[in-house]
Amino acid sequence: MPELNAIGQATPKGQRMAAIVLFHSALGLRAVEHQAAERMRSAGYDVVVPDLYAGLTAASVDDGLDLMSNVGWETICDRARVALLQTSPDAVLAGHSMGAGVISAVWSERVAAAGIVLLHGLADIPSNVRRHIPVAVHVADPDAFAQPEQVADWSASAKRCHVRAEIFTYPGIGHFYTDQALPDYDASAAELTWLRVQAFLKTITRKTGSGSVIP
């Protein structure tokens, strides 16, 4: 029986749906990541959500930043790399807030990634970035962790590096607006974000047995 893609159609012979690794925010691995993963799994994707805090979580952004500091950035990134060893080299890298920063740390080591999804944050584009890699950015406007001038600079950098970038900004809402457990939550913007993410992921398939991307 042929594999079905995210819109219920048969995936063309010789292609397969992208795998996804979703890195959590500074608050730890919580319901927002599990819900996002289940939404993508229900569309047919294989999704991994590494726990970079080994079970620790926080209830607010400020407490999350303290927790991130206590766990330590080196430990966080090392755990991300260990998790990535269990996935295919061309898996899509996605990250919530701090998770976008984790992508900054590992992107240069995952040049075969089929795509990048940055939610509530930006990731530095590595010097060895693959030309025309599809990248989707979703941030509030303004966002304390991705100010408009930073988004503009990132967009200019993406163009210089020949990155195929989609940038979506959501005005008048808080930083982590997709998280129902936080005061920033905005249901309409969250739903629109995930509809756009799913549309973006539909454009990414992979040749069976290789890391090459079919745009």
Protein backbone atom coordinates (compact mmCIF):
# COMPACT_ATOMS: atom_id res chain seq x y z
CA MET A 1 0.00 0.00 0.00
CA PRO A 2 1.53 3.40 -0.93
CA GLU A 3 2.53 5.87 1.80
CA LEU A 4 0.10 8.77 2.13
CA ASN A 5 1.35 12.32 2.38
CA ALA A 6 0.10 15.09 4.67
CA ILE A 7 -2.97 15.79 2.55
CA GLY A 8 -4.03 12.20 2.18
CA GLN A 9 -2.56 11.65 -1.25
CA ALA A 10 -0.24 8.85 -2.21
CA THR A 11 3.39 9.88 -1.93
CA PRO A 12 5.05 9.56 -5.36
CA LYS A 13 7.15 6.44 -5.83
CA GLY A 14 10.74 7.01 -4.75
CA GLN A 15 9.81 9.77 -2.29
CA ARG A 16 8.97 9.78 1.40
CA MET A 17 7.69 12.31 3.92
CA ALA A 18 10.19 14.31 5.91
CA ALA A 19 11.03 13.33 9.48
CA ILE A 20 10.96 16.19 12.02
CA VAL A 21 12.95 16.92 15.19
CA LEU A 22 11.26 19.52 17.41
CA PHE A 23 13.36 21.20 20.11
CA HIS A 24 11.53 22.62 23.12
CA SER A 25 11.61 26.11 24.62
CA ALA A 26 13.46 27.33 27.70
CA LEU A 27 10.50 26.11 29.76
CA GLY A 28 11.37 22.49 29.03
CA LEU A 29 9.52 19.71 27.26
CA ARG A 30 5.87 20.46 27.98
CA ALA A 31 2.37 20.04 26.57
CA VAL A 32 2.91 22.64 23.83
CA GLU A 33 5.64 20.53 22.22
CA HIS A 34 3.75 17.25 22.65
CA GLN A 35 0.63 18.81 21.12
CA ALA A 36 2.62 20.18 18.19
CA ALA A 37 4.23 16.79 17.65
CA GLU A 38 0.87 15.02 17.70
CA ARG A 39 -0.53 17.49 15.22
CA MET A 40 2.32 16.77 12.82
CA ARG A 41 2.11 13.02 13.44
CA SER A 42 -1.58 13.08 12.61
CA ALA A 43 -0.57 14.55 9.25
CA GLY A 44 1.70 11.57 8.69
CA TYR A 45 5.10 12.80 9.84
CA ASP A 46 7.58 10.97 12.05
CA VAL A 47 8.31 13.47 14.86
CA VAL A 48 10.94 13.33 17.62
CA VAL A 49 10.78 15.72 20.61
CA PRO A 50 14.03 15.42 22.60
CA ASP A 51 13.96 16.28 26.31
CA LEU A 52 16.97 18.57 26.68
CA TYR A 53 16.30 19.19 30.40
CA ALA A 54 15.98 15.53 31.45
CA GLY A 55 12.47 16.00 32.84
CA LEU A 56 12.77 19.51 34.32
CA THR A 57 10.19 22.15 33.37
CA ALA A 58 9.26 25.72 34.29
CA ALA A 59 5.94 27.53 34.41
CA SER A 60 7.03 30.98 33.17
CA VAL A 61 9.50 32.41 30.70
CA ASP A 62 11.59 33.98 33.48
CA ASP A 63 11.76 30.68 35.38
CA GLY A 64 12.57 28.94 32.12
CA LEU A 65 15.53 31.23 31.49
CA ASP A 66 16.80 30.44 34.98
CA LEU A 67 16.35 26.74 34.31
CA MET A 68 18.20 27.03 31.01
CA SER A 69 21.09 28.67 32.82
CA ASN A 70 21.11 25.99 35.53
CA VAL A 71 21.10 23.10 33.05
CA GLY A 72 23.79 24.84 31.01
CA TRP A 73 23.94 25.62 27.32
CA GLU A 74 26.69 23.12 26.59
CA THR A 75 24.68 20.32 28.20
CA ILE A 76 21.55 21.34 26.32
CA CYS A 77 23.32 21.30 22.96
CA ASP A 78 25.13 18.05 23.72
CA ARG A 79 21.79 16.38 24.48
CA ALA A 80 20.40 17.75 21.21
CA ARG A 81 23.31 16.23 19.30
CA VAL A 82 22.79 12.86 20.97
CA ALA A 83 19.11 12.95 19.99
CA LEU A 84 20.01 13.86 16.42
CA LEU A 85 22.23 10.81 16.15
CA GLN A 86 19.03 8.75 16.29
CA THR A 87 17.46 10.56 13.31
CA SER A 88 18.12 10.68 9.59
CA PRO A 89 20.60 13.33 8.41
CA ASP A 90 17.91 15.06 6.35
CA ALA A 91 15.34 15.40 9.14
CA VAL A 92 13.64 18.79 9.35
CA LEU A 93 14.86 20.82 12.34
CA ALA A 94 12.17 22.72 14.22
CA GLY A 95 12.42 24.72 17.42
CA HIS A 96 10.28 26.65 19.88
CA SER A 97 12.01 29.80 21.17
CA MET A 98 15.16 28.41 22.87
CA GLY A 99 14.81 25.52 20.44
CA ALA A 100 15.63 27.95 17.62
CA GLY A 101 18.85 28.72 19.47
CA VAL A 102 19.58 25.01 19.66
CA ILE A 103 19.19 24.88 15.89
CA SER A 104 21.80 27.66 15.69
CA ALA A 105 24.22 25.36 17.50
CA VAL A 106 23.63 22.26 15.37
CA TRP A 107 22.62 23.54 11.94
CA SER A 108 26.19 23.59 10.58
CA GLU A 109 26.46 19.90 11.54
CA ARG A 110 23.19 19.01 9.78
CA VAL A 111 23.71 20.53 6.35
CA ALA A 112 21.54 17.82 4.77
CA ALA A 113 18.47 18.91 6.77
CA ALA A 114 15.46 18.98 4.46
CA GLY A 115 14.18 22.19 6.02
CA ILE A 116 14.12 24.43 9.10
CA VAL A 117 11.13 25.68 11.11
CA LEU A 118 11.81 28.52 13.57
CA LEU A 119 9.00 29.34 16.00
CA HIS A 120 9.29 32.31 18.38
CA GLY A 121 12.97 32.79 17.62
CA LEU A 122 15.72 33.00 15.02
CA ALA A 123 18.68 30.75 14.27
CA ASP A 124 22.03 31.92 12.97
CA ILE A 125 22.53 30.83 9.37
CA PRO A 126 25.79 28.84 9.18
CA SER A 127 28.50 29.61 6.65
CA ASN A 128 28.10 26.11 5.16
CA VAL A 129 24.31 26.38 4.72
CA ARG A 130 22.89 24.39 1.83
CA ARG A 131 21.76 26.69 -0.97
CA HIS A 132 17.98 27.00 -1.37
CA ILE A 133 17.18 25.14 1.86
CA PRO A 134 13.57 25.97 2.78
CA VAL A 135 13.24 27.83 6.09
CA ALA A 136 10.05 29.08 7.76
CA VAL A 137 10.11 31.74 10.50
CA HIS A 138 7.15 32.54 12.75
CA VAL A 139 7.53 35.33 15.34
CA ALA A 140 5.41 37.88 17.15
CA ASP A 141 5.74 41.51 16.08
CA PRO A 142 7.39 42.88 18.04
CA ASP A 143 9.00 39.93 19.81
CA ALA A 144 11.35 40.56 22.74
CA PHE A 145 13.58 37.72 21.55
CA ALA A 146 13.37 38.53 17.82
CA GLN A 147 13.07 42.27 17.43
CA PRO A 148 11.91 43.63 14.04
CA GLU A 149 15.40 44.89 13.20
CA GLN A 150 16.81 41.45 13.98
CA VAL A 151 14.20 39.82 11.74
CA ALA A 152 15.09 42.28 8.96
CA ASP A 153 18.80 41.52 9.36
CA TRP A 154 18.07 37.78 9.34
CA SER A 155 16.00 38.15 6.16
CA ALA A 156 18.85 40.01 4.45
CA SER A 157 21.30 37.32 5.54
CA ALA A 158 19.00 34.59 4.19
CA LYS A 159 18.90 36.30 0.79
CA ARG A 160 22.69 36.63 0.70
CA CYS A 161 23.03 32.93 1.53
CA HIS A 162 20.42 31.88 -1.06
CA VAL A 163 18.16 30.44 1.64
CA ARG A 164 14.55 29.94 0.52
CA ALA A 165 12.95 31.73 3.46
CA GLU A 166 9.34 32.35 4.46
CA ILE A 167 8.96 34.92 7.25
CA PHE A 168 5.65 35.36 9.03
CA THR A 169 5.14 37.99 11.73
CA TYR A 170 2.10 38.20 14.00
CA PRO A 171 1.42 41.74 15.25
CA GLY A 172 0.14 42.71 18.66
CA ILE A 173 0.69 39.42 20.48
CA GLY A 174 3.20 38.04 22.98
CA HIS A 175 6.40 36.08 22.42
CA PHE A 176 5.20 32.49 22.98
CA TYR A 177 1.71 32.90 21.56
CA THR A 178 1.24 29.23 20.58
CA ASP A 179 1.43 27.98 24.18
CA GLN A 180 -2.00 27.63 25.78
CA ALA A 181 -0.44 27.53 29.26
CA LEU A 182 1.04 31.05 28.99
CA PRO A 183 -0.50 34.54 29.10
CA ASP A 184 0.89 35.19 25.59
CA TYR A 185 -1.43 32.60 24.05
CA ASP A 186 -3.45 33.75 21.06
CA ALA A 187 -5.68 31.02 19.63
CA SER A 188 -6.18 32.60 16.20
CA ALA A 189 -2.49 33.32 15.65
CA ALA A 190 -1.53 29.88 16.94
CA GLU A 191 -3.91 28.12 14.56
CA LEU A 192 -2.75 30.25 11.63
CA THR A 193 0.86 29.45 12.49
CA TRP A 194 0.26 25.70 12.47
CA LEU A 195 -1.72 25.84 9.24
CA ARG A 196 1.23 27.66 7.68
CA VAL A 197 3.73 25.20 9.16
CA GLN A 198 1.76 22.28 7.76
CA ALA A 199 1.61 23.95 4.35
CA PHE A 200 5.38 24.47 4.50
CA LEU A 201 6.02 20.85 5.46
CA LYS A 202 3.90 19.64 2.54
CA THR A 203 6.48 21.16 0.20
CA ILE A 204 9.23 18.96 1.66
CA THR A 205 9.66 15.34 0.62
CA ARG A 206 12.77 13.21 0.36
CA LYS A 207 14.06 10.69 -2.14
CA THR A 208 13.94 7.21 -0.65
CA GLY A 209 17.39 6.13 0.41
CA SER A 210 19.02 9.53 0.03
CA GLY A 211 19.26 12.89 1.69
CA SER A 212 18.35 14.97 -1.32
CA VAL A 213 15.36 17.29 -1.15
CA ILE A 214 12.51 17.52 -3.64
CA PRO A 215 11.35 21.19 -3.53
